[in-house]
């Protein structure tokens, strides 16, 4: 969806010959303002929403925090140097599936089962 850009959210306003760059810092804020949600809404609210839904989907605290690129802090942050990339991928695929079902107006009833 980003074309040949190295960025997930590339700038579409480039002059010929200009190098690839990400969207402007204010682009998401401007787009959210145009939605007219009736209250101040920021891109950080999207992160907060995703984090809450990851918990609802049964994603562990550690994996959900790493999905948001948060440091784990304390002794966990010092001793646990695992990148959780596969776990993060599964969590974000689950989140994407939920978003896709919402977009289609379908129900979403996938429940993560805990290990015995």
PDB file of N, CA and C in Angstrom:
ATOM      1  N   UNK A   1       0.817  -1.194   0.000  1.00  0.00           N
ATOM      2  CA  UNK A   1       0.000   0.000   0.000  1.00  0.00           C
ATOM      3  C   UNK A   1       0.860   1.256   0.000  1.00  0.00           C
ATOM      4  N   UNK A   2       2.106   1.137   0.460  1.00  0.00           N
ATOM      5  CA  UNK A   2       2.995   2.289   0.511  1.00  0.00           C
ATOM      6  C   UNK A   2       3.788   2.438  -0.784  1.00  0.00           C
ATOM      7  N   UNK A   3       3.478   1.623  -1.771  1.00  0.00           N
ATOM      8  CA  UNK A   3       4.195   1.696  -3.041  1.00  0.00           C
ATOM      9  C   UNK A   3       5.650   1.303  -2.858  1.00  0.00           C
ATOM     10  N   UNK A   4       6.521   2.057  -3.447  1.00  0.00           N
ATOM     11  CA  UNK A   4       7.945   1.738  -3.355  1.00  0.00           C
ATOM     12  C   UNK A   4       8.617   2.448  -2.179  1.00  0.00           C
ATOM     13  N   UNK A   5       7.838   3.076  -1.323  1.00  0.00           N
ATOM     14  CA  UNK A   5       8.395   3.817  -0.195  1.00  0.00           C
ATOM     15  C   UNK A   5       8.955   2.884   0.874  1.00  0.00           C
ATOM     16  N   UNK A   6       9.953   3.339   1.560  1.00  0.00           N
ATOM     17  CA  UNK A   6      10.509   2.617   2.699  1.00  0.00           C
ATOM     18  C   UNK A   6       9.673   2.872   3.955  1.00  0.00           C
ATOM     19  N   UNK A   7       8.708   3.803   3.885  1.00  0.00           N
ATOM     20  CA  UNK A   7       7.912   4.180   5.036  1.00  0.00           C
ATOM     21  C   UNK A   7       6.521   3.556   4.965  1.00  0.00           C
ATOM     22  N   UNK A   8       5.979   3.204   6.121  1.00  0.00           N
ATOM     23  CA  UNK A   8       4.615   2.676   6.183  1.00  0.00           C
ATOM     24  C   UNK A   8       3.626   3.765   5.780  1.00  0.00           C
ATOM     25  N   UNK A   9       3.868   4.989   6.228  1.00  0.00           N
ATOM     26  CA  UNK A   9       3.023   6.129   5.896  1.00  0.00           C
ATOM     27  C   UNK A   9       3.877   7.170   5.165  1.00  0.00           C
ATOM     28  N   UNK A  10       4.060   6.975   3.864  1.00  0.00           N
ATOM     29  CA  UNK A  10       4.916   7.903   3.121  1.00  0.00           C
ATOM     30  C   UNK A  10       4.190   9.203   2.788  1.00  0.00           C
ATOM     31  N   UNK A  11       4.962  10.239   2.599  1.00  0.00           N
ATOM     32  CA  UNK A  11       4.410  11.507   2.150  1.00  0.00           C
ATOM     33  C   UNK A  11       3.991  11.361   0.693  1.00  0.00           C
ATOM     34  N   UNK A  12       2.812  11.840   0.386  1.00  0.00           N
ATOM     35  CA  UNK A  12       2.348  11.808  -1.008  1.00  0.00           C
ATOM     36  C   UNK A  12       2.702  13.097  -1.725  1.00  0.00           C
ATOM     37  N   UNK A  13       3.022  14.137  -0.966  1.00  0.00           N
ATOM     38  CA  UNK A  13       3.332  15.445  -1.547  1.00  0.00           C
ATOM     39  C   UNK A  13       4.837  15.578  -1.723  1.00  0.00           C
ATOM     40  N   UNK A  14       5.330  15.037  -2.827  1.00  0.00           N
ATOM     41  CA  UNK A  14       6.762  15.150  -3.115  1.00  0.00           C
ATOM     42  C   UNK A  14       6.954  15.781  -4.476  1.00  0.00           C
ATOM     43  N   UNK A  15       7.997  16.567  -4.561  1.00  0.00           N
ATOM     44  CA  UNK A  15       8.354  17.168  -5.847  1.00  0.00           C
ATOM     45  C   UNK A  15       9.171  16.154  -6.641  1.00  0.00           C
ATOM     46  N   UNK A  16       9.172  16.253  -7.964  1.00  0.00           N
ATOM     47  CA  UNK A  16       9.981  15.330  -8.766  1.00  0.00           C
ATOM     48  C   UNK A  16      11.439  15.363  -8.320  1.00  0.00           C
ATOM     49  N   UNK A  17      12.018  14.211  -8.121  1.00  0.00           N
ATOM     50  CA  UNK A  17      13.405  14.104  -7.706  1.00  0.00           C
ATOM     51  C   UNK A  17      13.620  14.179  -6.207  1.00  0.00           C
ATOM     52  N   UNK A  18      12.582  14.523  -5.453  1.00  0.00           N
ATOM     53  CA  UNK A  18      12.712  14.614  -3.993  1.00  0.00           C
ATOM     54  C   UNK A  18      12.795  13.209  -3.409  1.00  0.00           C
ATOM     55  N   UNK A  19      13.607  13.057  -2.370  1.00  0.00           N
ATOM     56  CA  UNK A  19      13.780  11.733  -1.776  1.00  0.00           C
ATOM     57  C   UNK A  19      12.538  11.305  -0.990  1.00  0.00           C
ATOM     58  N   UNK A  20      12.436  10.012  -0.790  1.00  0.00           N
ATOM     59  CA  UNK A  20      11.346   9.406  -0.033  1.00  0.00           C
ATOM     60  C   UNK A  20      11.349   9.939   1.401  1.00  0.00           C
ATOM     61  N   UNK A  21      10.186  10.253   1.932  1.00  0.00           N
ATOM     62  CA  UNK A  21      10.098  10.734   3.311  1.00  0.00           C
ATOM     63  C   UNK A  21       8.760  10.341   3.914  1.00  0.00           C
ATOM     64  N   UNK A  22       8.672  10.309   5.234  1.00  0.00           N
ATOM     65  CA  UNK A  22       7.403   9.969   5.884  1.00  0.00           C
ATOM     66  C   UNK A  22       6.440  11.156   5.862  1.00  0.00           C
ATOM     67  N   UNK A  23       5.194  10.897   6.225  1.00  0.00           N
ATOM     68  CA  UNK A  23       4.220  11.983   6.301  1.00  0.00           C
ATOM     69  C   UNK A  23       4.658  12.993   7.355  1.00  0.00           C
ATOM     70  N   UNK A  24       4.147  14.183   7.243  1.00  0.00           N
ATOM     71  CA  UNK A  24       4.428  15.266   8.178  1.00  0.00           C
ATOM     72  C   UNK A  24       3.867  14.910   9.560  1.00  0.00           C
ATOM     73  N   UNK A  25       4.491  15.412  10.601  1.00  0.00           N
ATOM     74  CA  UNK A  25       4.037  15.146  11.971  1.00  0.00           C
ATOM     75  C   UNK A  25       2.573  15.509  12.194  1.00  0.00           C
ATOM     76  N   UNK A  26       2.081  16.512  11.502  1.00  0.00           N
ATOM     77  CA  UNK A  26       0.713  16.988  11.728  1.00  0.00           C
ATOM     78  C   UNK A  26      -0.333  16.328  10.833  1.00  0.00           C
ATOM     79  N   UNK A  27       0.076  15.465   9.916  1.00  0.00           N
ATOM     80  CA  UNK A  27      -0.860  14.884   8.955  1.00  0.00           C
ATOM     81  C   UNK A  27      -1.959  14.078   9.631  1.00  0.00           C
ATOM     82  N   UNK A  28      -1.594  13.175  10.551  1.00  0.00           N
ATOM     83  CA  UNK A  28      -2.608  12.365  11.226  1.00  0.00           C
ATOM     84  C   UNK A  28      -3.535  13.230  12.072  1.00  0.00           C
ATOM     85  N   UNK A  29      -2.979  14.222  12.759  1.00  0.00           N
ATOM     86  CA  UNK A  29      -3.825  15.120  13.559  1.00  0.00           C
ATOM     87  C   UNK A  29      -4.827  15.850  12.669  1.00  0.00           C
ATOM     88  N   UNK A  30      -4.379  16.332  11.519  1.00  0.00           N
ATOM     89  CA  UNK A  30      -5.277  17.041  10.604  1.00  0.00           C
ATOM     90  C   UNK A  30      -6.367  16.112  10.086  1.00  0.00           C
ATOM     91  N   UNK A  31      -6.001  14.884   9.745  1.00  0.00           N
ATOM     92  CA  UNK A  31      -6.995  13.917   9.247  1.00  0.00           C
ATOM     93  C   UNK A  31      -8.023  13.592  10.332  1.00  0.00           C
ATOM     94  N   UNK A  32      -7.563  13.420  11.558  1.00  0.00           N
ATOM     95  CA  UNK A  32      -8.485  13.137  12.662  1.00  0.00           C
ATOM     96  C   UNK A  32      -9.398  14.321  12.933  1.00  0.00           C
ATOM     97  N   UNK A  33      -8.871  15.536  12.835  1.00  0.00           N
ATOM     98  CA  UNK A  33      -9.705  16.736  13.012  1.00  0.00           C
ATOM     99  C   UNK A  33     -10.809  16.800  11.964  1.00  0.00           C
ATOM    100  N   UNK A  34     -10.472  16.421  10.728  1.00  0.00           N
ATOM    101  CA  UNK A  34     -11.464  16.453   9.647  1.00  0.00           C
ATOM    102  C   UNK A  34     -12.593  15.450   9.852  1.00  0.00           C
ATOM    103  N   UNK A  35     -12.351  14.408  10.634  1.00  0.00           N
ATOM    104  CA  UNK A  35     -13.401  13.424  10.908  1.00  0.00           C
ATOM    105  C   UNK A  35     -14.520  14.016  11.759  1.00  0.00           C
ATOM    106  N   UNK A  36     -14.218  15.093  12.474  1.00  0.00           N
ATOM    107  CA  UNK A  36     -15.242  15.757  13.286  1.00  0.00           C
ATOM    108  C   UNK A  36     -15.785  14.859  14.382  1.00  0.00           C
ATOM    109  N   UNK A  37     -14.911  14.293  15.170  1.00  0.00           N
ATOM    110  CA  UNK A  37     -15.324  13.367  16.219  1.00  0.00           C
ATOM    111  C   UNK A  37     -15.947  14.070  17.423  1.00  0.00           C
ATOM    112  N   UNK A  38     -15.919  15.372  17.435  1.00  0.00           N
ATOM    113  CA  UNK A  38     -16.561  16.118  18.510  1.00  0.00           C
ATOM    114  C   UNK A  38     -15.701  16.303  19.743  1.00  0.00           C
ATOM    115  N   UNK A  39     -14.492  15.803  19.712  1.00  0.00           N
ATOM    116  CA  UNK A  39     -13.577  16.005  20.836  1.00  0.00           C
ATOM    117  C   UNK A  39     -12.158  15.948  20.301  1.00  0.00           C
ATOM    118  N   UNK A  40     -11.239  16.426  21.111  1.00  0.00           N
ATOM    119  CA  UNK A  40      -9.830  16.350  20.737  1.00  0.00           C
ATOM    120  C   UNK A  40      -9.421  14.887  20.683  1.00  0.00           C
ATOM    121  N   UNK A  41      -8.849  14.478  19.595  1.00  0.00           N
ATOM    122  CA  UNK A  41      -8.450  13.089  19.382  1.00  0.00           C
ATOM    123  C   UNK A  41      -7.058  13.099  18.790  1.00  0.00           C
ATOM    124  N   UNK A  42      -6.184  12.245  19.276  1.00  0.00           N
ATOM    125  CA  UNK A  42      -4.808  12.255  18.790  1.00  0.00           C
ATOM    126  C   UNK A  42      -4.384  10.869  18.325  1.00  0.00           C
ATOM    127  N   UNK A  43      -3.310  10.788  17.552  1.00  0.00           N
ATOM    128  CA  UNK A  43      -2.792   9.475  17.157  1.00  0.00           C
ATOM    129  C   UNK A  43      -2.477   8.590  18.360  1.00  0.00           C
ATOM    130  N   UNK A  44      -2.122   9.197  19.484  1.00  0.00           N
ATOM    131  CA  UNK A  44      -1.848   8.392  20.678  1.00  0.00           C
ATOM    132  C   UNK A  44      -3.093   7.637  21.127  1.00  0.00           C
ATOM    133  N   UNK A  45      -4.278   8.208  20.893  1.00  0.00           N
ATOM    134  CA  UNK A  45      -5.524   7.518  21.227  1.00  0.00           C
ATOM    135  C   UNK A  45      -5.641   6.209  20.447  1.00  0.00           C
ATOM    136  N   UNK A  46      -5.105   6.180  19.226  1.00  0.00           N
ATOM    137  CA  UNK A  46      -5.136   4.949  18.440  1.00  0.00           C
ATOM    138  C   UNK A  46      -4.267   3.884  19.100  1.00  0.00           C
ATOM    139  N   UNK A  47      -3.122   4.275  19.630  1.00  0.00           N
ATOM    140  CA  UNK A  47      -2.241   3.332  20.333  1.00  0.00           C
ATOM    141  C   UNK A  47      -2.922   2.802  21.588  1.00  0.00           C
ATOM    142  N   UNK A  48      -3.570   3.698  22.320  1.00  0.00           N
ATOM    143  CA  UNK A  48      -4.271   3.303  23.536  1.00  0.00           C
ATOM    144  C   UNK A  48      -5.401   2.328  23.216  1.00  0.00           C
ATOM    145  N   UNK A  49      -6.129   2.610  22.163  1.00  0.00           N
ATOM    146  CA  UNK A  49      -7.221   1.724  21.738  1.00  0.00           C
ATOM    147  C   UNK A  49      -6.681   0.357  21.348  1.00  0.00           C
ATOM    148  N   UNK A  50      -5.622   0.346  20.556  1.00  0.00           N
ATOM    149  CA  UNK A  50      -5.026  -0.930  20.140  1.00  0.00           C
ATOM    150  C   UNK A  50      -4.555  -1.715  21.357  1.00  0.00           C
ATOM    151  N   UNK A  51      -3.923  -1.042  22.297  1.00  0.00           N
ATOM    152  CA  UNK A  51      -3.405  -1.726  23.493  1.00  0.00           C
ATOM    153  C   UNK A  51      -4.536  -2.351  24.288  1.00  0.00           C
ATOM    154  N   UNK A  52      -5.642  -1.636  24.446  1.00  0.00           N
ATOM    155  CA  UNK A  52      -6.787  -2.172  25.177  1.00  0.00           C
ATOM    156  C   UNK A  52      -7.363  -3.396  24.482  1.00  0.00           C
ATOM    157  N   UNK A  53      -7.464  -3.334  23.166  1.00  0.00           N
ATOM    158  CA  UNK A  53      -8.018  -4.466  22.421  1.00  0.00           C
ATOM    159  C   UNK A  53      -7.067  -5.658  22.408  1.00  0.00           C
ATOM    160  N   UNK A  54      -5.763  -5.417  22.399  1.00  0.00           N
ATOM    161  CA  UNK A  54      -4.821  -6.535  22.486  1.00  0.00           C
ATOM    162  C   UNK A  54      -5.028  -7.293  23.795  1.00  0.00           C
ATOM    163  N   UNK A  55      -5.244  -6.557  24.878  1.00  0.00           N
ATOM    164  CA  UNK A  55      -5.524  -7.204  26.165  1.00  0.00           C
ATOM    165  C   UNK A  55      -6.821  -7.999  26.076  1.00  0.00           C
ATOM    166  N   UNK A  56      -7.846  -7.414  25.479  1.00  0.00           N
ATOM    167  CA  UNK A  56      -9.138  -8.078  25.326  1.00  0.00           C
ATOM    168  C   UNK A  56      -9.009  -9.366  24.508  1.00  0.00           C
ATOM    169  N   UNK A  57      -8.099  -9.357  23.536  1.00  0.00           N
ATOM    170  CA  UNK A  57      -7.888 -10.524  22.682  1.00  0.00           C
ATOM    171  C   UNK A  57      -7.015 -11.589  23.345  1.00  0.00           C
ATOM    172  N   UNK A  58      -6.571 -11.331  24.560  1.00  0.00           N
ATOM    173  CA  UNK A  58      -5.798 -12.317  25.298  1.00  0.00           C
ATOM    174  C   UNK A  58      -4.301 -12.251  25.092  1.00  0.00           C
ATOM    175  N   UNK A  59      -3.824 -11.172  24.487  1.00  0.00           N
ATOM    176  CA  UNK A  59      -2.391 -11.009  24.261  1.00  0.00           C
ATOM    177  C   UNK A  59      -1.738 -10.659  25.599  1.00  0.00           C
ATOM    178  N   UNK A  60      -0.606 -11.301  25.892  1.00  0.00           N
ATOM    179  CA  UNK A  60       0.067 -11.066  27.168  1.00  0.00           C
ATOM    180  C   UNK A  60       0.515  -9.613  27.288  1.00  0.00           C
ATOM    181  N   UNK A  61       0.671  -9.166  28.516  1.00  0.00           N
ATOM    182  CA  UNK A  61       1.096  -7.795  28.787  1.00  0.00           C
ATOM    183  C   UNK A  61       2.434  -7.506  28.114  1.00  0.00           C
ATOM    184  N   UNK A  62       3.377  -8.425  28.253  1.00  0.00           N
ATOM    185  CA  UNK A  62       4.712  -8.209  27.692  1.00  0.00           C
ATOM    186  C   UNK A  62       4.643  -8.058  26.180  1.00  0.00           C
ATOM    187  N   UNK A  63       3.919  -8.955  25.509  1.00  0.00           N
ATOM    188  CA  UNK A  63       3.825  -8.905  24.045  1.00  0.00           C
ATOM    189  C   UNK A  63       3.080  -7.645  23.604  1.00  0.00           C
ATOM    190  N   UNK A  64       1.997  -7.301  24.278  1.00  0.00           N
ATOM    191  CA  UNK A  64       1.238  -6.101  23.923  1.00  0.00           C
ATOM    192  C   UNK A  64       2.093  -4.842  24.080  1.00  0.00           C
ATOM    193  N   UNK A  65       2.856  -4.770  25.147  1.00  0.00           N
ATOM    194  CA  UNK A  65       3.734  -3.618  25.349  1.00  0.00           C
ATOM    195  C   UNK A  65       4.812  -3.544  24.276  1.00  0.00           C
ATOM    196  N   UNK A  66       5.352  -4.684  23.891  1.00  0.00           N
ATOM    197  CA  UNK A  66       6.373  -4.714  22.843  1.00  0.00           C
ATOM    198  C   UNK A  66       5.758  -4.361  21.489  1.00  0.00           C
ATOM    199  N   UNK A  67       4.480  -4.690  21.265  1.00  0.00           N
ATOM    200  CA  UNK A  67       3.803  -4.296  20.023  1.00  0.00           C
ATOM    201  C   UNK A  67       3.781  -2.777  19.884  1.00  0.00           C
ATOM    202  N   UNK A  68       3.699  -2.083  21.006  1.00  0.00           N
ATOM    203  CA  UNK A  68       3.694  -0.621  20.999  1.00  0.00           C
ATOM    204  C   UNK A  68       5.103  -0.048  21.112  1.00  0.00           C
ATOM    205  N   UNK A  69       6.084  -0.938  21.107  1.00  0.00           N
ATOM    206  CA  UNK A  69       7.488  -0.558  21.222  1.00  0.00           C
ATOM    207  C   UNK A  69       7.790   0.133  22.556  1.00  0.00           C
ATOM    208  N   UNK A  70       7.044  -0.244  23.596  1.00  0.00           N
ATOM    209  CA  UNK A  70       7.320   0.262  24.932  1.00  0.00           C
ATOM    210  C   UNK A  70       8.469  -0.541  25.532  1.00  0.00           C
ATOM    211  N   UNK A  71       9.289   0.106  26.345  1.00  0.00           N
ATOM    212  CA  UNK A  71      10.303  -0.641  27.083  1.00  0.00           C
ATOM    213  C   UNK A  71       9.586  -1.353  28.222  1.00  0.00           C
ATOM    214  N   UNK A  72      10.117  -2.480  28.612  1.00  0.00           N
ATOM    215  CA  UNK A  72       9.455  -3.276  29.634  1.00  0.00           C
ATOM    216  C   UNK A  72       9.729  -2.752  31.027  1.00  0.00           C
ATOM    217  N   UNK A  73      10.821  -2.048  31.209  1.00  0.00           N
ATOM    218  CA  UNK A  73      11.109  -1.421  32.491  1.00  0.00           C
ATOM    219  C   UNK A  73      11.529  -2.400  33.571  1.00  0.00           C
ATOM    220  N   UNK A  74      12.115  -1.870  34.619  1.00  0.00           N
ATOM    221  CA  UNK A  74      12.521  -2.653  35.781  1.00  0.00           C
ATOM    222  C   UNK A  74      13.437  -3.810  35.426  1.00  0.00           C
ATOM    223  N   UNK A  75      13.399  -4.843  36.252  1.00  0.00           N
ATOM    224  CA  UNK A  75      14.241  -6.020  36.032  1.00  0.00           C
ATOM    225  C   UNK A  75      13.869  -6.758  34.756  1.00  0.00           C
ATOM    226  N   UNK A  76      12.588  -6.764  34.426  1.00  0.00           N
ATOM    227  CA  UNK A  76      12.170  -7.428  33.183  1.00  0.00           C
ATOM    228  C   UNK A  76      12.868  -6.778  32.000  1.00  0.00           C
ATOM    229  N   UNK A  77      12.904  -5.466  31.982  1.00  0.00           N
ATOM    230  CA  UNK A  77      13.559  -4.751  30.895  1.00  0.00           C
ATOM    231  C   UNK A  77      15.059  -4.997  30.840  1.00  0.00           C
ATOM    232  N   UNK A  78      15.655  -5.221  31.987  1.00  0.00           N
ATOM    233  CA  UNK A  78      17.102  -5.466  32.042  1.00  0.00           C
ATOM    234  C   UNK A  78      17.426  -6.891  31.616  1.00  0.00           C
ATOM    235  N   UNK A  79      16.693  -7.862  32.150  1.00  0.00           N
ATOM    236  CA  UNK A  79      17.028  -9.262  31.923  1.00  0.00           C
ATOM    237  C   UNK A  79      16.386  -9.865  30.686  1.00  0.00           C
ATOM    238  N   UNK A  80      15.214  -9.406  30.319  1.00  0.00           N
ATOM    239  CA  UNK A  80      14.510 -10.005  29.174  1.00  0.00           C
ATOM    240  C   UNK A  80      14.841  -9.221  27.906  1.00  0.00           C
ATOM    241  N   UNK A  81      15.769  -9.721  27.131  1.00  0.00           N
ATOM    242  CA  UNK A  81      16.196  -9.054  25.905  1.00  0.00           C
ATOM    243  C   UNK A  81      15.584  -9.683  24.653  1.00  0.00           C
ATOM    244  N   UNK A  82      14.656 -10.629  24.831  1.00  0.00           N
ATOM    245  CA  UNK A  82      13.991 -11.274  23.695  1.00  0.00           C
ATOM    246  C   UNK A  82      13.175 -10.231  22.932  1.00  0.00           C
ATOM    247  N   UNK A  83      13.175 -10.290  21.599  1.00  0.00           N
ATOM    248  CA  UNK A  83      12.448  -9.283  20.809  1.00  0.00           C
ATOM    249  C   UNK A  83      10.967  -9.611  20.612  1.00  0.00           C
ATOM    250  N   UNK A  84      10.551 -10.839  20.918  1.00  0.00           N
ATOM    251  CA  UNK A  84       9.150 -11.247  20.812  1.00  0.00           C
ATOM    252  C   UNK A  84       8.573 -11.020  19.409  1.00  0.00           C
ATOM    253  N   UNK A  85       9.405 -11.098  18.394  1.00  0.00           N
ATOM    254  CA  UNK A  85       8.945 -10.738  17.051  1.00  0.00           C
ATOM    255  C   UNK A  85       7.842 -11.667  16.545  1.00  0.00           C
ATOM    256  N   UNK A  86       7.971 -12.959  16.760  1.00  0.00           N
ATOM    257  CA  UNK A  86       6.920 -13.886  16.301  1.00  0.00           C
ATOM    258  C   UNK A  86       5.641 -13.696  17.099  1.00  0.00           C
ATOM    259  N   UNK A  87       5.774 -13.507  18.410  1.00  0.00           N
ATOM    260  CA  UNK A  87       4.600 -13.272  19.251  1.00  0.00           C
ATOM    261  C   UNK A  87       3.921 -11.956  18.877  1.00  0.00           C
ATOM    262  N   UNK A  88       4.721 -10.951  18.595  1.00  0.00           N
ATOM    263  CA  UNK A  88       4.174  -9.656  18.172  1.00  0.00           C
ATOM    264  C   UNK A  88       3.453  -9.788  16.836  1.00  0.00           C
ATOM    265  N   UNK A  89       4.056 -10.544  15.932  1.00  0.00           N
ATOM    266  CA  UNK A  89       3.431 -10.752  14.621  1.00  0.00           C
ATOM    267  C   UNK A  89       2.061 -11.415  14.783  1.00  0.00           C
ATOM    268  N   UNK A  90       1.991 -12.467  15.614  1.00  0.00           N
ATOM    269  CA  UNK A  90       0.703 -13.150  15.838  1.00  0.00           C
ATOM    270  C   UNK A  90      -0.311 -12.200  16.477  1.00  0.00           C
ATOM    271  N   UNK A  91       0.128 -11.410  17.450  1.00  0.00           N
ATOM    272  CA  UNK A  91      -0.780 -10.466  18.125  1.00  0.00           C
ATOM    273  C   UNK A  91      -1.311  -9.431  17.145  1.00  0.00           C
ATOM    274  N   UNK A  92      -0.427  -8.886  16.304  1.00  0.00           N
ATOM    275  CA  UNK A  92      -0.857  -7.855  15.357  1.00  0.00           C
ATOM    276  C   UNK A  92      -1.690  -8.438  14.227  1.00  0.00           C
ATOM    277  N   UNK A  93      -1.459  -9.696  13.870  1.00  0.00           N
ATOM    278  CA  UNK A  93      -2.334 -10.362  12.887  1.00  0.00           C
ATOM    279  C   UNK A  93      -3.728 -10.563  13.469  1.00  0.00           C
ATOM    280  N   UNK A  94      -3.801 -10.898  14.746  1.00  0.00           N
ATOM    281  CA  UNK A  94      -5.091 -11.036  15.427  1.00  0.00           C
ATOM    282  C   UNK A  94      -5.810  -9.690  15.474  1.00  0.00           C
ATOM    283  N   UNK A  95      -5.083  -8.621  15.786  1.00  0.00           N
ATOM    284  CA  UNK A  95      -5.656  -7.269  15.812  1.00  0.00           C
ATOM    285  C   UNK A  95      -6.137  -6.881  14.414  1.00  0.00           C
ATOM    286  N   UNK A  96      -5.344  -7.187  13.388  1.00  0.00           N
ATOM    287  CA  UNK A  96      -5.739  -6.875  12.010  1.00  0.00           C
ATOM    288  C   UNK A  96      -7.002  -7.632  11.622  1.00  0.00           C
ATOM    289  N   UNK A  97      -7.108  -8.882  12.052  1.00  0.00           N
ATOM    290  CA  UNK A  97      -8.309  -9.676  11.757  1.00  0.00           C
ATOM    291  C   UNK A  97      -9.543  -9.066  12.427  1.00  0.00           C
ATOM    292  N   UNK A  98      -9.355  -8.583  13.650  1.00  0.00           N
ATOM    293  CA  UNK A  98     -10.478  -7.939  14.341  1.00  0.00           C
ATOM    294  C   UNK A  98     -10.896  -6.662  13.608  1.00  0.00           C
ATOM    295  N   UNK A  99      -9.925  -5.845  13.218  1.00  0.00           N
ATOM    296  CA  UNK A  99     -10.243  -4.615  12.482  1.00  0.00           C
ATOM    297  C   UNK A  99     -10.937  -4.920  11.159  1.00  0.00           C
ATOM    298  N   UNK A 100     -10.469  -5.952  10.458  1.00  0.00           N
ATOM    299  CA  UNK A 100     -11.087  -6.329   9.184  1.00  0.00           C
ATOM    300  C   UNK A 100     -12.526  -6.779   9.394  1.00  0.00           C
ATOM    301  N   UNK A 101     -12.785  -7.523  10.465  1.00  0.00           N
ATOM    302  CA  UNK A 101     -14.156  -7.976  10.721  1.00  0.00           C
ATOM    303  C   UNK A 101     -15.061  -6.800  11.090  1.00  0.00           C
ATOM    304  N   UNK A 102     -14.522  -5.838  11.835  1.00  0.00           N
ATOM    305  CA  UNK A 102     -15.303  -4.640  12.177  1.00  0.00           C
ATOM    306  C   UNK A 102     -15.625  -3.857  10.909  1.00  0.00           C
ATOM    307  N   UNK A 103     -14.623  -3.708  10.044  1.00  0.00           N
ATOM    308  CA  UNK A 103     -14.814  -2.964   8.799  1.00  0.00           C
ATOM    309  C   UNK A 103     -15.888  -3.602   7.933  1.00  0.00           C
ATOM    310  N   UNK A 104     -15.966  -4.938   7.932  1.00  0.00           N
ATOM    311  CA  UNK A 104     -16.954  -5.656   7.127  1.00  0.00           C
ATOM    312  C   UNK A 104     -18.304  -5.757   7.827  1.00  0.00           C
ATOM    313  N   UNK A 105     -18.371  -5.334   9.087  1.00  0.00           N
ATOM    314  CA  UNK A 105     -19.623  -5.423   9.837  1.00  0.00           C
ATOM    315  C   UNK A 105     -19.900  -6.818  10.355  1.00  0.00           C
ATOM    316  N   UNK A 106     -18.881  -7.641  10.422  1.00  0.00           N
ATOM    317  CA  UNK A 106     -19.033  -9.012  10.899  1.00  0.00           C
ATOM    318  C   UNK A 106     -18.765  -9.072  12.397  1.00  0.00           C
ATOM    319  N   UNK A 107     -19.249 -10.136  13.014  1.00  0.00           N
ATOM    320  CA  UNK A 107     -18.917 -10.375  14.411  1.00  0.00           C
ATOM    321  C   UNK A 107     -17.499 -10.895  14.519  1.00  0.00           C
ATOM    322  N   UNK A 108     -16.918 -10.752  15.666  1.00  0.00           N
ATOM    323  CA  UNK A 108     -15.562 -11.250  15.887  1.00  0.00           C
ATOM    324  C   UNK A 108     -15.568 -11.972  17.206  1.00  0.00           C
ATOM    325  N   UNK A 109     -15.415 -13.288  17.159  1.00  0.00           N
ATOM    326  CA  UNK A 109     -15.512 -14.054  18.392  1.00  0.00           C
ATOM    327  C   UNK A 109     -14.315 -14.967  18.619  1.00  0.00           C
ATOM    328  N   UNK A 110     -13.161 -14.587  18.118  1.00  0.00           N
ATOM    329  CA  UNK A 110     -11.968 -15.377  18.350  1.00  0.00           C
ATOM    330  C   UNK A 110     -11.507 -15.138  19.778  1.00  0.00           C
ATOM    331  N   UNK A 111     -11.317 -16.206  20.506  1.00  0.00           N
ATOM    332  CA  UNK A 111     -10.884 -16.114  21.898  1.00  0.00           C
ATOM    333  C   UNK A 111      -9.571 -16.867  22.034  1.00  0.00           C
ATOM    334  N   UNK A 112      -8.563 -16.196  22.545  1.00  0.00           N
ATOM    335  CA  UNK A 112      -7.281 -16.847  22.776  1.00  0.00           C
ATOM    336  C   UNK A 112      -7.435 -17.798  23.971  1.00  0.00           C
ATOM    337  N   UNK A 113      -6.957 -19.006  23.804  1.00  0.00           N
ATOM    338  CA  UNK A 113      -7.011 -19.975  24.890  1.00  0.00           C
ATOM    339  C   UNK A 113      -5.683 -19.975  25.632  1.00  0.00           C
ATOM    340  N   UNK A 114      -5.762 -20.074  26.943  1.00  0.00           N
ATOM    341  CA  UNK A 114      -4.549 -20.110  27.747  1.00  0.00           C
ATOM    342  C   UNK A 114      -4.018 -21.536  27.771  1.00  0.00           C
ATOM    343  N   UNK A 115      -2.694 -21.630  27.881  1.00  0.00           N
ATOM    344  CA  UNK A 115      -2.067 -22.949  27.964  1.00  0.00           C
ATOM    345  C   UNK A 115      -2.497 -23.655  29.244  1.00  0.00           C
ATOM    346  N   UNK A 116      -2.644 -24.972  29.125  1.00  0.00           N
ATOM    347  CA  UNK A 116      -3.025 -25.766  30.298  1.00  0.00           C
ATOM    348  C   UNK A 116      -1.837 -25.917  31.224  1.00  0.00           C
TER     349      UNK A 116
END
